[in-house]
Amino acid sequence: MFDVSNDSRTVEPRLSVQIERDGTWTAFRGAILLATGLATVTDAWDVIDRAASARPPATPIRLPAAPEQSRRSWRRSA
């Protein structure tokens, strides 16, 4: 089911590499350009690995608890 929250899964940015028209490789972490003009795809993934190891682990973002529902009736009394 897609509407069930899975708090145990950590959300992380997408890591990707892309080949350019000139035959070089580019490395991204999410939308952030990490490096461009890399000679091989291995070089691109090495840049991503170094960037990931330099960052501290992501702290999971906890959503605030849902506010308590008021037990007060909003219907007009007759």
Protein backbone atom coordinates (compact mmCIF):
# COMPACT_ATOMS: atom_id res chain seq x y z
CA MET A 1 0.00 0.00 0.00
CA PHE A 2 1.36 3.40 -0.91
CA ASP A 3 -0.48 5.36 1.77
CA VAL A 4 1.30 3.60 4.64
CA SER A 5 4.22 5.48 6.16
CA ASN A 6 7.55 3.66 6.29
CA ASP A 7 9.61 5.53 8.91
CA SER A 8 12.46 3.04 8.74
CA ARG A 9 13.42 4.04 5.19
CA THR A 10 15.85 6.96 4.92
CA VAL A 11 15.24 9.35 2.05
CA GLU A 12 18.42 10.26 0.21
CA PRO A 13 19.11 12.22 -2.95
CA ARG A 14 19.41 10.38 -6.22
CA LEU A 15 22.99 9.65 -7.26
CA SER A 16 23.58 9.65 -11.00
CA VAL A 17 26.15 9.89 -13.76
CA GLN A 18 25.60 11.14 -17.27
CA ILE A 19 27.62 10.89 -20.45
CA GLU A 20 28.13 14.16 -22.31
CA ARG A 21 28.28 14.73 -26.07
CA ASP A 22 32.06 15.08 -25.95
CA GLY A 23 32.40 11.59 -24.39
CA THR A 24 33.19 12.79 -20.87
CA TRP A 25 31.16 11.95 -17.77
CA THR A 26 29.32 14.13 -15.27
CA ALA A 27 28.44 13.20 -11.66
CA PHE A 28 25.34 14.44 -9.79
CA ARG A 29 24.00 14.12 -6.27
CA GLY A 30 20.35 15.00 -6.65
CA ALA A 31 20.33 18.22 -8.69
CA ILE A 32 23.80 19.21 -7.46
CA LEU A 33 26.57 18.98 -10.04
CA LEU A 34 29.55 17.33 -8.36
CA ALA A 35 31.96 17.14 -11.28
CA THR A 36 32.06 17.32 -15.06
CA GLY A 37 34.61 16.43 -17.73
CA LEU A 38 35.51 13.10 -16.15
CA ALA A 39 37.28 10.60 -18.39
CA THR A 40 35.44 7.42 -17.34
CA VAL A 41 32.22 6.37 -15.67
CA THR A 42 34.36 4.88 -12.88
CA ASP A 43 35.84 8.33 -12.24
CA ALA A 44 32.32 9.76 -12.02
CA TRP A 45 31.20 7.17 -9.46
CA ASP A 46 34.42 7.70 -7.49
CA VAL A 47 33.54 11.41 -7.20
CA ILE A 48 30.08 10.46 -5.91
CA ASP A 49 31.58 8.00 -3.41
CA ARG A 50 34.02 10.63 -2.12
CA ALA A 51 31.25 13.21 -1.78
CA ALA A 52 29.06 10.72 0.10
CA SER A 53 31.84 9.76 2.52
CA ALA A 54 32.64 13.43 3.20
CA ARG A 55 29.08 14.16 4.31
CA PRO A 56 27.77 13.07 7.69
CA PRO A 57 24.93 10.55 7.53
CA ALA A 58 21.57 12.14 6.84
CA THR A 59 19.44 12.68 9.89
CA PRO A 60 15.96 11.35 9.28
CA ILE A 61 13.35 14.07 9.21
CA ARG A 62 10.53 13.31 11.58
CA LEU A 63 7.15 14.68 10.74
CA PRO A 64 5.32 16.30 13.64
CA ALA A 65 2.60 14.22 15.19
CA ALA A 66 -0.87 14.87 13.87
CA PRO A 67 -2.72 17.42 15.98
CA GLU A 68 -5.32 15.99 18.28
CA GLN A 69 -8.79 16.04 16.87
CA SER A 70 -11.10 18.24 18.84
CA ARG A 71 -13.95 16.34 20.44
CA ARG A 72 -16.10 19.41 20.30
CA SER A 73 -19.12 19.11 18.10
CA TRP A 74 -19.44 21.82 15.49
CA ARG A 75 -23.15 21.21 14.95
CA ARG A 76 -25.48 23.86 16.16
CA SER A 77 -27.59 23.01 19.17
CA ALA A 78 -31.30 23.33 18.47
